[in-house]
Amino acid sequence: MANTDKEISYSDLKSLIEKGEELVIVDVRSKAEVDKGHIPGSIHIPVGNVESDLSLDPDAFKEKFGMPKPPLDAPNLVFHCQLGRRGEAATEKARSLGFQYACNLAGGYAQWSEKETK
């Protein structure tokens, strides 16, 4: 089901992952932050590169990230940072480019990490 909200909760994201739903998770933190831990299956696009990388043509995107470029109507395009602000900015950038269902992981990687270690 397409997400029309601008945020997704940890439990909703976890459910999508467990169901094997079509999903693109974009980590917009710095490389140093990503190197300390990341959500499995996520791709790394620093927040400052979101607009340019999402504007790449499909072949260039696939070559750079090793996966197909999400279509504008991708139902589950999730951005996240450490706490939420950069993820929110990335979500807004993606939506301005036409990715209508882009959303931000509420609580960011901090919440993901905390809940995954319990």
PDB file of N, CA and C in Angstrom:
ATOM      1  N   MET A   1       0.839  -1.179   0.000  1.00  0.00           N
ATOM      2  CA  MET A   1       0.000   0.000   0.000  1.00  0.00           C
ATOM      3  C   MET A   1       0.886   1.244   0.000  1.00  0.00           C
ATOM      4  N   ALA A   2       0.583   2.177  -0.863  1.00  0.00           N
ATOM      5  CA  ALA A   2       1.383   3.390  -0.972  1.00  0.00           C
ATOM      6  C   ALA A   2       1.240   4.242   0.280  1.00  0.00           C
ATOM      7  N   ASN A   3       2.336   4.820   0.675  1.00  0.00           N
ATOM      8  CA  ASN A   3       2.366   5.650   1.873  1.00  0.00           C
ATOM      9  C   ASN A   3       2.212   7.112   1.467  1.00  0.00           C
ATOM     10  N   THR A   4       1.120   7.745   1.838  1.00  0.00           N
ATOM     11  CA  THR A   4       0.903   9.148   1.494  1.00  0.00           C
ATOM     12  C   THR A   4       1.359  10.084   2.599  1.00  0.00           C
ATOM     13  N   ASP A   5       1.690   9.550   3.770  1.00  0.00           N
ATOM     14  CA  ASP A   5       2.192  10.362   4.865  1.00  0.00           C
ATOM     15  C   ASP A   5       3.664  10.668   4.621  1.00  0.00           C
ATOM     16  N   LYS A   6       4.159  11.684   5.304  1.00  0.00           N
ATOM     17  CA  LYS A   6       5.562  12.051   5.131  1.00  0.00           C
ATOM     18  C   LYS A   6       6.469  11.348   6.121  1.00  0.00           C
ATOM     19  N   GLU A   7       5.897  10.574   7.041  1.00  0.00           N
ATOM     20  CA  GLU A   7       6.700   9.818   8.002  1.00  0.00           C
ATOM     21  C   GLU A   7       6.208   8.377   8.066  1.00  0.00           C
ATOM     22  N   ILE A   8       7.141   7.496   8.381  1.00  0.00           N
ATOM     23  CA  ILE A   8       6.807   6.093   8.599  1.00  0.00           C
ATOM     24  C   ILE A   8       7.419   5.699   9.937  1.00  0.00           C
ATOM     25  N   SER A   9       6.707   4.903  10.695  1.00  0.00           N
ATOM     26  CA  SER A   9       7.201   4.481  12.006  1.00  0.00           C
ATOM     27  C   SER A   9       8.150   3.289  11.868  1.00  0.00           C
ATOM     28  N   TYR A  10       8.912   3.059  12.917  1.00  0.00           N
ATOM     29  CA  TYR A  10       9.780   1.880  12.959  1.00  0.00           C
ATOM     30  C   TYR A  10       8.962   0.617  12.717  1.00  0.00           C
ATOM     31  N   SER A  11       7.833   0.474  13.419  1.00  0.00           N
ATOM     32  CA  SER A  11       7.050  -0.765  13.314  1.00  0.00           C
ATOM     33  C   SER A  11       6.480  -0.950  11.903  1.00  0.00           C
ATOM     34  N   ASP A  12       6.059   0.139  11.252  1.00  0.00           N
ATOM     35  CA  ASP A  12       5.546   0.015   9.881  1.00  0.00           C
ATOM     36  C   ASP A  12       6.659  -0.349   8.911  1.00  0.00           C
ATOM     37  N   LEU A  13       7.837   0.246   9.090  1.00  0.00           N
ATOM     38  CA  LEU A  13       8.968  -0.092   8.224  1.00  0.00           C
ATOM     39  C   LEU A  13       9.374  -1.543   8.436  1.00  0.00           C
ATOM     40  N   LYS A  14       9.462  -1.952   9.675  1.00  0.00           N
ATOM     41  CA  LYS A  14       9.835  -3.334   9.998  1.00  0.00           C
ATOM     42  C   LYS A  14       8.846  -4.312   9.364  1.00  0.00           C
ATOM     43  N   SER A  15       7.569  -3.973   9.398  1.00  0.00           N
ATOM     44  CA  SER A  15       6.534  -4.808   8.800  1.00  0.00           C
ATOM     45  C   SER A  15       6.726  -4.918   7.288  1.00  0.00           C
ATOM     46  N   LEU A  16       7.031  -3.814   6.630  1.00  0.00           N
ATOM     47  CA  LEU A  16       7.273  -3.842   5.182  1.00  0.00           C
ATOM     48  C   LEU A  16       8.457  -4.748   4.852  1.00  0.00           C
ATOM     49  N   ILE A  17       9.520  -4.639   5.645  1.00  0.00           N
ATOM     50  CA  ILE A  17      10.705  -5.468   5.430  1.00  0.00           C
ATOM     51  C   ILE A  17      10.358  -6.943   5.610  1.00  0.00           C
ATOM     52  N   GLU A  18       9.655  -7.265   6.683  1.00  0.00           N
ATOM     53  CA  GLU A  18       9.306  -8.658   6.972  1.00  0.00           C
ATOM     54  C   GLU A  18       8.374  -9.253   5.919  1.00  0.00           C
ATOM     55  N   LYS A  19       7.510  -8.427   5.340  1.00  0.00           N
ATOM     56  CA  LYS A  19       6.582  -8.901   4.306  1.00  0.00           C
ATOM     57  C   LYS A  19       7.245  -8.993   2.940  1.00  0.00           C
ATOM     58  N   GLY A  20       8.479  -8.494   2.828  1.00  0.00           N
ATOM     59  CA  GLY A  20       9.173  -8.518   1.548  1.00  0.00           C
ATOM     60  C   GLY A  20       8.592  -7.537   0.547  1.00  0.00           C
ATOM     61  N   GLU A  21       7.990  -6.470   1.059  1.00  0.00           N
ATOM     62  CA  GLU A  21       7.405  -5.459   0.182  1.00  0.00           C
ATOM     63  C   GLU A  21       8.499  -4.763  -0.636  1.00  0.00           C
ATOM     64  N   GLU A  22       8.116  -4.273  -1.807  1.00  0.00           N
ATOM     65  CA  GLU A  22       9.035  -3.479  -2.618  1.00  0.00           C
ATOM     66  C   GLU A  22       9.380  -2.234  -1.810  1.00  0.00           C
ATOM     67  N   LEU A  23      10.658  -2.018  -1.583  1.00  0.00           N
ATOM     68  CA  LEU A  23      11.081  -1.006  -0.631  1.00  0.00           C
ATOM     69  C   LEU A  23      12.449  -0.467  -1.010  1.00  0.00           C
ATOM     70  N   VAL A  24      12.609   0.850  -0.939  1.00  0.00           N
ATOM     71  CA  VAL A  24      13.917   1.472  -1.115  1.00  0.00           C
ATOM     72  C   VAL A  24      14.168   2.318   0.134  1.00  0.00           C
ATOM     73  N   ILE A  25      15.231   1.972   0.869  1.00  0.00           N
ATOM     74  CA  ILE A  25      15.599   2.702   2.077  1.00  0.00           C
ATOM     75  C   ILE A  25      16.879   3.469   1.766  1.00  0.00           C
ATOM     76  N   VAL A  26      16.825   4.785   1.952  1.00  0.00           N
ATOM     77  CA  VAL A  26      17.955   5.649   1.640  1.00  0.00           C
ATOM     78  C   VAL A  26      18.487   6.279   2.925  1.00  0.00           C
ATOM     79  N   ASP A  27      19.746   5.979   3.230  1.00  0.00           N
ATOM     80  CA  ASP A  27      20.432   6.523   4.402  1.00  0.00           C
ATOM     81  C   ASP A  27      21.120   7.817   3.965  1.00  0.00           C
ATOM     82  N   VAL A  28      20.714   8.949   4.542  1.00  0.00           N
ATOM     83  CA  VAL A  28      21.247  10.244   4.120  1.00  0.00           C
ATOM     84  C   VAL A  28      22.309  10.790   5.084  1.00  0.00           C
ATOM     85  N   ARG A  29      22.767   9.942   6.001  1.00  0.00           N
ATOM     86  CA  ARG A  29      23.798  10.371   6.953  1.00  0.00           C
ATOM     87  C   ARG A  29      25.167  10.439   6.269  1.00  0.00           C
ATOM     88  N   SER A  30      26.154  10.912   7.003  1.00  0.00           N
ATOM     89  CA  SER A  30      27.523  10.967   6.480  1.00  0.00           C
ATOM     90  C   SER A  30      28.091   9.548   6.390  1.00  0.00           C
ATOM     91  N   LYS A  31      29.156   9.401   5.595  1.00  0.00           N
ATOM     92  CA  LYS A  31      29.797   8.091   5.457  1.00  0.00           C
ATOM     93  C   LYS A  31      30.291   7.594   6.821  1.00  0.00           C
ATOM     94  N   ALA A  32      30.840   8.490   7.628  1.00  0.00           N
ATOM     95  CA  ALA A  32      31.336   8.099   8.953  1.00  0.00           C
ATOM     96  C   ALA A  32      30.209   7.531   9.810  1.00  0.00           C
ATOM     97  N   GLU A  33      29.018   8.133   9.732  1.00  0.00           N
ATOM     98  CA  GLU A  33      27.873   7.624  10.496  1.00  0.00           C
ATOM     99  C   GLU A  33      27.440   6.252   9.969  1.00  0.00           C
ATOM    100  N   VAL A  34      27.379   6.122   8.651  1.00  0.00           N
ATOM    101  CA  VAL A  34      26.954   4.855   8.033  1.00  0.00           C
ATOM    102  C   VAL A  34      27.934   3.736   8.383  1.00  0.00           C
ATOM    103  N   ASP A  35      29.219   4.068   8.416  1.00  0.00           N
ATOM    104  CA  ASP A  35      30.235   3.065   8.735  1.00  0.00           C
ATOM    105  C   ASP A  35      30.062   2.488  10.133  1.00  0.00           C
ATOM    106  N   LYS A  36      29.379   3.216  11.026  1.00  0.00           N
ATOM    107  CA  LYS A  36      29.142   2.738  12.396  1.00  0.00           C
ATOM    108  C   LYS A  36      27.927   1.820  12.494  1.00  0.00           C
ATOM    109  N   GLY A  37      27.120   1.771  11.444  1.00  0.00           N
ATOM    110  CA  GLY A  37      25.936   0.916  11.442  1.00  0.00           C
ATOM    111  C   GLY A  37      24.895   1.464  10.497  1.00  0.00           C
ATOM    112  N   HIS A  38      24.115   0.555   9.905  1.00  0.00           N
ATOM    113  CA  HIS A  38      23.082   0.971   8.959  1.00  0.00           C
ATOM    114  C   HIS A  38      21.948  -0.044   8.926  1.00  0.00           C
ATOM    115  N   ILE A  39      20.839   0.373   8.354  1.00  0.00           N
ATOM    116  CA  ILE A  39      19.699  -0.526   8.192  1.00  0.00           C
ATOM    117  C   ILE A  39      20.024  -1.465   7.033  1.00  0.00           C
ATOM    118  N   PRO A  40      19.931  -2.777   7.241  1.00  0.00           N
ATOM    119  CA  PRO A  40      20.245  -3.717   6.170  1.00  0.00           C
ATOM    120  C   PRO A  40      19.441  -3.420   4.902  1.00  0.00           C
ATOM    121  N   GLY A  41      20.154  -3.454   3.763  1.00  0.00           N
ATOM    122  CA  GLY A  41      19.503  -3.239   2.479  1.00  0.00           C
ATOM    123  C   GLY A  41      19.378  -1.789   2.067  1.00  0.00           C
ATOM    124  N   SER A  42      19.794  -0.871   2.949  1.00  0.00           N
ATOM    125  CA  SER A  42      19.689   0.550   2.608  1.00  0.00           C
ATOM    126  C   SER A  42      20.812   0.951   1.657  1.00  0.00           C
ATOM    127  N   ILE A  43      20.564   2.022   0.898  1.00  0.00           N
ATOM    128  CA  ILE A  43      21.615   2.599   0.072  1.00  0.00           C
ATOM    129  C   ILE A  43      22.009   3.932   0.697  1.00  0.00           C
ATOM    130  N   HIS A  44      23.247   4.340   0.456  1.00  0.00           N
ATOM    131  CA  HIS A  44      23.759   5.570   1.064  1.00  0.00           C
ATOM    132  C   HIS A  44      23.785   6.691   0.029  1.00  0.00           C
ATOM    133  N   ILE A  45      22.982   7.724   0.273  1.00  0.00           N
ATOM    134  CA  ILE A  45      23.019   8.950  -0.516  1.00  0.00           C
ATOM    135  C   ILE A  45      23.073  10.094   0.502  1.00  0.00           C
ATOM    136  N   PRO A  46      24.234  10.710   0.690  1.00  0.00           N
ATOM    137  CA  PRO A  46      24.306  11.821   1.646  1.00  0.00           C
ATOM    138  C   PRO A  46      23.250  12.883   1.324  1.00  0.00           C
ATOM    139  N   VAL A  47      22.717  13.519   2.350  1.00  0.00           N
ATOM    140  CA  VAL A  47      21.603  14.456   2.181  1.00  0.00           C
ATOM    141  C   VAL A  47      21.899  15.513   1.119  1.00  0.00           C
ATOM    142  N   GLY A  48      23.132  15.976   1.035  1.00  0.00           N
ATOM    143  CA  GLY A  48      23.489  16.982   0.051  1.00  0.00           C
ATOM    144  C   GLY A  48      23.477  16.489  -1.382  1.00  0.00           C
ATOM    145  N   ASN A  49      23.441  15.163  -1.571  1.00  0.00           N
ATOM    146  CA  ASN A  49      23.453  14.576  -2.912  1.00  0.00           C
ATOM    147  C   ASN A  49      22.087  14.043  -3.343  1.00  0.00           C
ATOM    148  N   VAL A  50      21.099  14.108  -2.475  1.00  0.00           N
ATOM    149  CA  VAL A  50      19.794  13.502  -2.774  1.00  0.00           C
ATOM    150  C   VAL A  50      19.212  14.035  -4.080  1.00  0.00           C
ATOM    151  N   GLU A  51      19.186  15.345  -4.223  1.00  0.00           N
ATOM    152  CA  GLU A  51      18.577  15.923  -5.426  1.00  0.00           C
ATOM    153  C   GLU A  51      19.317  15.495  -6.688  1.00  0.00           C
ATOM    154  N   SER A  52      20.633  15.592  -6.686  1.00  0.00           N
ATOM    155  CA  SER A  52      21.391  15.234  -7.889  1.00  0.00           C
ATOM    156  C   SER A  52      21.331  13.736  -8.171  1.00  0.00           C
ATOM    157  N   ASP A  53      21.447  12.905  -7.130  1.00  0.00           N
ATOM    158  CA  ASP A  53      21.426  11.449  -7.360  1.00  0.00           C
ATOM    159  C   ASP A  53      20.047  10.958  -7.795  1.00  0.00           C
ATOM    160  N   LEU A  54      18.980  11.536  -7.253  1.00  0.00           N
ATOM    161  CA  LEU A  54      17.640  11.123  -7.686  1.00  0.00           C
ATOM    162  C   LEU A  54      17.291  11.690  -9.060  1.00  0.00           C
ATOM    163  N   SER A  55      18.116  12.615  -9.558  1.00  0.00           N
ATOM    164  CA  SER A  55      17.906  13.168 -10.895  1.00  0.00           C
ATOM    165  C   SER A  55      18.713  12.433 -11.960  1.00  0.00           C
ATOM    166  N   LEU A  56      19.544  11.480 -11.536  1.00  0.00           N
ATOM    167  CA  LEU A  56      20.321  10.691 -12.491  1.00  0.00           C
ATOM    168  C   LEU A  56      19.381   9.914 -13.407  1.00  0.00           C
ATOM    169  N   ASP A  57      19.859   9.640 -14.632  1.00  0.00           N
ATOM    170  CA  ASP A  57      19.044   8.779 -15.488  1.00  0.00           C
ATOM    171  C   ASP A  57      19.125   7.358 -14.922  1.00  0.00           C
ATOM    172  N   PRO A  58      18.158   6.509 -15.264  1.00  0.00           N
ATOM    173  CA  PRO A  58      18.093   5.171 -14.646  1.00  0.00           C
ATOM    174  C   PRO A  58      19.375   4.344 -14.771  1.00  0.00           C
ATOM    175  N   ASP A  59      20.051   4.409 -15.919  1.00  0.00           N
ATOM    176  CA  ASP A  59      21.279   3.618 -16.083  1.00  0.00           C
ATOM    177  C   ASP A  59      22.394   4.119 -15.168  1.00  0.00           C
ATOM    178  N   ALA A  60      22.543   5.426 -15.078  1.00  0.00           N
ATOM    179  CA  ALA A  60      23.580   6.002 -14.211  1.00  0.00           C
ATOM    180  C   ALA A  60      23.289   5.698 -12.742  1.00  0.00           C
ATOM    181  N   PHE A  61      22.011   5.752 -12.347  1.00  0.00           N
ATOM    182  CA  PHE A  61      21.636   5.442 -10.976  1.00  0.00           C
ATOM    183  C   PHE A  61      21.983   3.986 -10.654  1.00  0.00           C
ATOM    184  N   LYS A  62      21.616   3.084 -11.563  1.00  0.00           N
ATOM    185  CA  LYS A  62      21.885   1.658 -11.320  1.00  0.00           C
ATOM    186  C   LYS A  62      23.386   1.390 -11.238  1.00  0.00           C
ATOM    187  N   GLU A  63      24.150   2.053 -12.095  1.00  0.00           N
ATOM    188  CA  GLU A  63      25.600   1.865 -12.067  1.00  0.00           C
ATOM    189  C   GLU A  63      26.191   2.372 -10.752  1.00  0.00           C
ATOM    190  N   LYS A  64      25.697   3.497 -10.264  1.00  0.00           N
ATOM    191  CA  LYS A  64      26.231   4.101  -9.040  1.00  0.00           C
ATOM    192  C   LYS A  64      25.812   3.348  -7.783  1.00  0.00           C
ATOM    193  N   PHE A  65      24.554   2.874  -7.739  1.00  0.00           N
ATOM    194  CA  PHE A  65      24.024   2.290  -6.505  1.00  0.00           C
ATOM    195  C   PHE A  65      23.765   0.784  -6.563  1.00  0.00           C
ATOM    196  N   GLY A  66      23.912   0.184  -7.742  1.00  0.00           N
ATOM    197  CA  GLY A  66      23.742  -1.258  -7.858  1.00  0.00           C
ATOM    198  C   GLY A  66      22.304  -1.728  -7.743  1.00  0.00           C
ATOM    199  N   MET A  67      21.378  -0.827  -7.982  1.00  0.00           N
ATOM    200  CA  MET A  67      19.952  -1.179  -7.932  1.00  0.00           C
ATOM    201  C   MET A  67      19.200  -0.256  -8.884  1.00  0.00           C
ATOM    202  N   PRO A  68      18.019  -0.674  -9.330  1.00  0.00           N
ATOM    203  CA  PRO A  68      17.250   0.193 -10.219  1.00  0.00           C
ATOM    204  C   PRO A  68      16.825   1.489  -9.534  1.00  0.00           C
ATOM    205  N   LYS A  69      16.773   2.555 -10.314  1.00  0.00           N
ATOM    206  CA  LYS A  69      16.288   3.827  -9.790  1.00  0.00           C
ATOM    207  C   LYS A  69      14.805   3.681  -9.469  1.00  0.00           C
ATOM    208  N   PRO A  70      14.385   4.133  -8.290  1.00  0.00           N
ATOM    209  CA  PRO A  70      12.953   4.013  -7.968  1.00  0.00           C
ATOM    210  C   PRO A  70      12.119   4.906  -8.895  1.00  0.00           C
ATOM    211  N   PRO A  71      10.963   4.414  -9.315  1.00  0.00           N
ATOM    212  CA  PRO A  71      10.086   5.255 -10.131  1.00  0.00           C
ATOM    213  C   PRO A  71       9.455   6.349  -9.278  1.00  0.00           C
ATOM    214  N   LEU A  72       8.934   7.375  -9.930  1.00  0.00           N
ATOM    215  CA  LEU A  72       8.322   8.490  -9.196  1.00  0.00           C
ATOM    216  C   LEU A  72       7.178   8.027  -8.311  1.00  0.00           C
ATOM    217  N   ASP A  73       6.511   6.948  -8.715  1.00  0.00           N
ATOM    218  CA  ASP A  73       5.391   6.439  -7.918  1.00  0.00           C
ATOM    219  C   ASP A  73       5.778   5.247  -7.041  1.00  0.00           C
ATOM    220  N   ALA A  74       7.084   5.128  -6.733  1.00  0.00           N
ATOM    221  CA  ALA A  74       7.529   4.044  -5.850  1.00  0.00           C
ATOM    222  C   ALA A  74       6.728   4.117  -4.558  1.00  0.00           C
ATOM    223  N   PRO A  75       6.054   3.027  -4.184  1.00  0.00           N
ATOM    224  CA  PRO A  75       5.162   3.080  -3.025  1.00  0.00           C
ATOM    225  C   PRO A  75       5.871   3.202  -1.685  1.00  0.00           C
ATOM    226  N   ASN A  76       7.116   2.739  -1.605  1.00  0.00           N
ATOM    227  CA  ASN A  76       7.811   2.728  -0.327  1.00  0.00           C
ATOM    228  C   ASN A  76       9.251   3.220  -0.496  1.00  0.00           C
ATOM    229  N   LEU A  77       9.397   4.528  -0.589  1.00  0.00           N
ATOM    230  CA  LEU A  77      10.705   5.166  -0.686  1.00  0.00           C
ATOM    231  C   LEU A  77      10.933   5.867   0.652  1.00  0.00           C
ATOM    232  N   VAL A  78      11.826   5.288   1.461  1.00  0.00           N
ATOM    233  CA  VAL A  78      12.015   5.737   2.842  1.00  0.00           C
ATOM    234  C   VAL A  78      13.401   6.340   3.020  1.00  0.00           C
ATOM    235  N   PHE A  79      13.446   7.554   3.517  1.00  0.00           N
ATOM    236  CA  PHE A  79      14.703   8.223   3.836  1.00  0.00           C
ATOM    237  C   PHE A  79      14.899   8.196   5.344  1.00  0.00           C
ATOM    238  N   HIS A  80      16.170   8.169   5.756  1.00  0.00           N
ATOM    239  CA  HIS A  80      16.430   8.284   7.193  1.00  0.00           C
ATOM    240  C   HIS A  80      17.810   8.858   7.422  1.00  0.00           C
ATOM    241  N   CYS A  81      17.946   9.500   8.569  1.00  0.00           N
ATOM    242  CA  CYS A  81      19.237  10.001   9.030  1.00  0.00           C
ATOM    243  C   CYS A  81      19.427   9.454  10.445  1.00  0.00           C
ATOM    244  N   GLN A  82      20.121  10.184  11.299  1.00  0.00           N
ATOM    245  CA  GLN A  82      20.329   9.695  12.657  1.00  0.00           C
ATOM    246  C   GLN A  82      19.103   9.923  13.533  1.00  0.00           C
ATOM    247  N   LEU A  83      18.548  11.143  13.482  1.00  0.00           N
ATOM    248  CA  LEU A  83      17.416  11.476  14.345  1.00  0.00           C
ATOM    249  C   LEU A  83      16.154  11.888  13.598  1.00  0.00           C
ATOM    250  N   GLY A  84      16.273  12.410  12.387  1.00  0.00           N
ATOM    251  CA  GLY A  84      15.083  12.756  11.621  1.00  0.00           C
ATOM    252  C   GLY A  84      15.125  14.023  10.794  1.00  0.00           C
ATOM    253  N   ARG A  85      15.956  14.988  11.156  1.00  0.00           N
ATOM    254  CA  ARG A  85      15.940  16.271  10.441  1.00  0.00           C
ATOM    255  C   ARG A  85      16.452  16.159   9.010  1.00  0.00           C
ATOM    256  N   ARG A  86      17.604  15.523   8.824  1.00  0.00           N
ATOM    257  CA  ARG A  86      18.137  15.382   7.461  1.00  0.00           C
ATOM    258  C   ARG A  86      17.243  14.475   6.633  1.00  0.00           C
ATOM    259  N   GLY A  87      16.676  13.454   7.268  1.00  0.00           N
ATOM    260  CA  GLY A  87      15.735  12.577   6.562  1.00  0.00           C
ATOM    261  C   GLY A  87      14.509  13.342   6.098  1.00  0.00           C
ATOM    262  N   GLU A  88      14.051  14.254   6.933  1.00  0.00           N
ATOM    263  CA  GLU A  88      12.903  15.082   6.564  1.00  0.00           C
ATOM    264  C   GLU A  88      13.254  15.989   5.388  1.00  0.00           C
ATOM    265  N   ALA A  89      14.452  16.578   5.415  1.00  0.00           N
ATOM    266  CA  ALA A  89      14.894  17.436   4.316  1.00  0.00           C
ATOM    267  C   ALA A  89      15.011  16.633   3.022  1.00  0.00           C
ATOM    268  N   ALA A  90      15.551  15.416   3.120  1.00  0.00           N
ATOM    269  CA  ALA A  90      15.680  14.561   1.944  1.00  0.00           C
ATOM    270  C   ALA A  90      14.314  14.166   1.397  1.00  0.00           C
ATOM    271  N   THR A  91      13.369  13.886   2.292  1.00  0.00           N
ATOM    272  CA  THR A  91      12.005  13.543   1.881  1.00  0.00           C
ATOM    273  C   THR A  91      11.390  14.702   1.098  1.00  0.00           C
ATOM    274  N   GLU A  92      11.571  15.908   1.600  1.00  0.00           N
ATOM    275  CA  GLU A  92      11.035  17.093   0.913  1.00  0.00           C
ATOM    276  C   GLU A  92      11.680  17.269  -0.458  1.00  0.00           C
ATOM    277  N   LYS A  93      12.993  17.054  -0.547  1.00  0.00           N
ATOM    278  CA  LYS A  93      13.681  17.155  -1.840  1.00  0.00           C
ATOM    279  C   LYS A  93      13.127  16.126  -2.814  1.00  0.00           C
ATOM    280  N   ALA A  94      12.972  14.890  -2.341  1.00  0.00           N
ATOM    281  CA  ALA A  94      12.456  13.826  -3.208  1.00  0.00           C
ATOM    282  C   ALA A  94      11.044  14.144  -3.682  1.00  0.00           C
ATOM    283  N   ARG A  95      10.209  14.615  -2.776  1.00  0.00           N
ATOM    284  CA  ARG A  95       8.834  14.965  -3.165  1.00  0.00           C
ATOM    285  C   ARG A  95       8.828  16.112  -4.170  1.00  0.00           C
ATOM    286  N   SER A  96       9.747  17.062  -4.022  1.00  0.00           N
ATOM    287  CA  SER A  96       9.805  18.175  -4.974  1.00  0.00           C
ATOM    288  C   SER A  96      10.234  17.703  -6.358  1.00  0.00           C
ATOM    289  N   LEU A  97      10.932  16.559  -6.419  1.00  0.00           N
ATOM    290  CA  LEU A  97      11.325  15.969  -7.694  1.00  0.00           C
ATOM    291  C   LEU A  97      10.227  15.074  -8.274  1.00  0.00           C
ATOM    292  N   GLY A  98       9.136  14.888  -7.526  1.00  0.00           N
ATOM    293  CA  GLY A  98       8.018  14.091  -8.025  1.00  0.00           C
ATOM    294  C   GLY A  98       7.860  12.725  -7.383  1.00  0.00           C
ATOM    295  N   PHE A  99       8.713  12.374  -6.438  1.00  0.00           N
ATOM    296  CA  PHE A  99       8.580  11.093  -5.732  1.00  0.00           C
ATOM    297  C   PHE A  99       7.476  11.264  -4.687  1.00  0.00           C
ATOM    298  N   GLN A 100       6.243  11.032  -5.142  1.00  0.00           N
ATOM    299  CA  GLN A 100       5.059  11.416  -4.372  1.00  0.00           C
ATOM    300  C   GLN A 100       4.864  10.673  -3.063  1.00  0.00           C
ATOM    301  N   TYR A 101       5.424   9.488  -2.919  1.00  0.00           N
ATOM    302  CA  TYR A 101       5.217   8.714  -1.691  1.00  0.00           C
ATOM    303  C   TYR A 101       6.459   8.671  -0.805  1.00  0.00           C
ATOM    304  N   ALA A 102       7.463   9.490  -1.100  1.00  0.00           N
ATOM    305  CA  ALA A 102       8.677   9.524  -0.278  1.00  0.00           C
ATOM    306  C   ALA A 102       8.300   9.849   1.163  1.00  0.00           C
ATOM    307  N   CYS A 103       8.970   9.173   2.100  1.00  0.00           N
ATOM    308  CA  CYS A 103       8.695   9.432   3.508  1.00  0.00           C
ATOM    309  C   CYS A 103       9.970   9.306   4.324  1.00  0.00           C
ATOM    310  N   ASN A 104       9.898   9.797   5.551  1.00  0.00           N
ATOM    311  CA  ASN A 104      11.018   9.839   6.468  1.00  0.00           C
ATOM    312  C   ASN A 104      10.761   8.863   7.621  1.00  0.00           C
ATOM    313  N   LEU A 105      11.788   8.127   8.003  1.00  0.00           N
ATOM    314  CA  LEU A 105      11.676   7.228   9.144  1.00  0.00           C
ATOM    315  C   LEU A 105      11.651   8.038  10.433  1.00  0.00           C
ATOM    316  N   ALA A 106      10.535   8.029  11.118  1.00  0.00           N
ATOM    317  CA  ALA A 106      10.398   8.763  12.383  1.00  0.00           C
ATOM    318  C   ALA A 106      11.421   8.229  13.388  1.00  0.00           C
ATOM    319  N   GLY A 107      12.187   9.128  13.979  1.00  0.00           N
ATOM    320  CA  GLY A 107      13.186   8.717  14.965  1.00  0.00           C
ATOM    321  C   GLY A 107      14.512   8.310  14.366  1.00  0.00           C
ATOM    322  N   GLY A 108      14.562   8.164  13.051  1.00  0.00           N
ATOM    323  CA  GLY A 108      15.802   7.869  12.348  1.00  0.00           C
ATOM    324  C   GLY A 108      16.496   6.590  12.770  1.00  0.00           C
ATOM    325  N   TYR A 109      17.789   6.529  12.430  1.00  0.00           N
ATOM    326  CA  TYR A 109      18.573   5.344  12.743  1.00  0.00           C
ATOM    327  C   TYR A 109      18.705   5.139  14.248  1.00  0.00           C
ATOM    328  N   ALA A 110      18.689   6.219  15.014  1.00  0.00           N
ATOM    329  CA  ALA A 110      18.792   6.091  16.468  1.00  0.00           C
ATOM    330  C   ALA A 110      17.677   5.199  17.003  1.00  0.00           C
ATOM    331  N   GLN A 111      16.457   5.436  16.541  1.00  0.00           N
ATOM    332  CA  GLN A 111      15.336   4.614  17.005  1.00  0.00           C
ATOM    333  C   GLN A 111      15.434   3.191  16.450  1.00  0.00           C
ATOM    334  N   TRP A 112      15.808   3.071  15.176  1.00  0.00           N
ATOM    335  CA  TRP A 112      15.963   1.747  14.572  1.00  0.00           C
ATOM    336  C   TRP A 112      16.972   0.929  15.378  1.00  0.00           C
ATOM    337  N   SER A 113      18.126   1.512  15.633  1.00  0.00           N
ATOM    338  CA  SER A 113      19.189   0.834  16.352  1.00  0.00           C
ATOM    339  C   SER A 113      18.750   0.431  17.758  1.00  0.00           C
ATOM    340  N   GLU A 114      18.076   1.347  18.439  1.00  0.00           N
ATOM    341  CA  GLU A 114      17.610   1.065  19.803  1.00  0.00           C
ATOM    342  C   GLU A 114      16.627  -0.113  19.800  1.00  0.00           C
ATOM    343  N   LYS A 115      15.681  -0.131  18.879  1.00  0.00           N
ATOM    344  CA  LYS A 115      14.668  -1.185  18.859  1.00  0.00           C
ATOM    345  C   LYS A 115      15.230  -2.504  18.352  1.00  0.00           C
ATOM    346  N   GLU A 116      16.212  -2.448  17.468  1.00  0.00           N
ATOM    347  CA  GLU A 116      16.801  -3.668  16.934  1.00  0.00           C
ATOM    348  C   GLU A 116      17.703  -4.369  17.947  1.00  0.00           C
ATOM    349  N   THR A 117      18.200  -3.644  18.925  1.00  0.00           N
ATOM    350  CA  THR A 117      19.108  -4.249  19.906  1.00  0.00           C
ATOM    351  C   THR A 117      18.373  -4.743  21.140  1.00  0.00           C
ATOM    352  N   LYS A 118      17.053  -4.560  21.183  1.00  0.00           N
ATOM    353  CA  LYS A 118      16.276  -5.028  22.343  1.00  0.00           C
ATOM    354  C   LYS A 118      15.966  -6.489  22.216  1.00  0.00           C
TER     355      LYS A 118
END
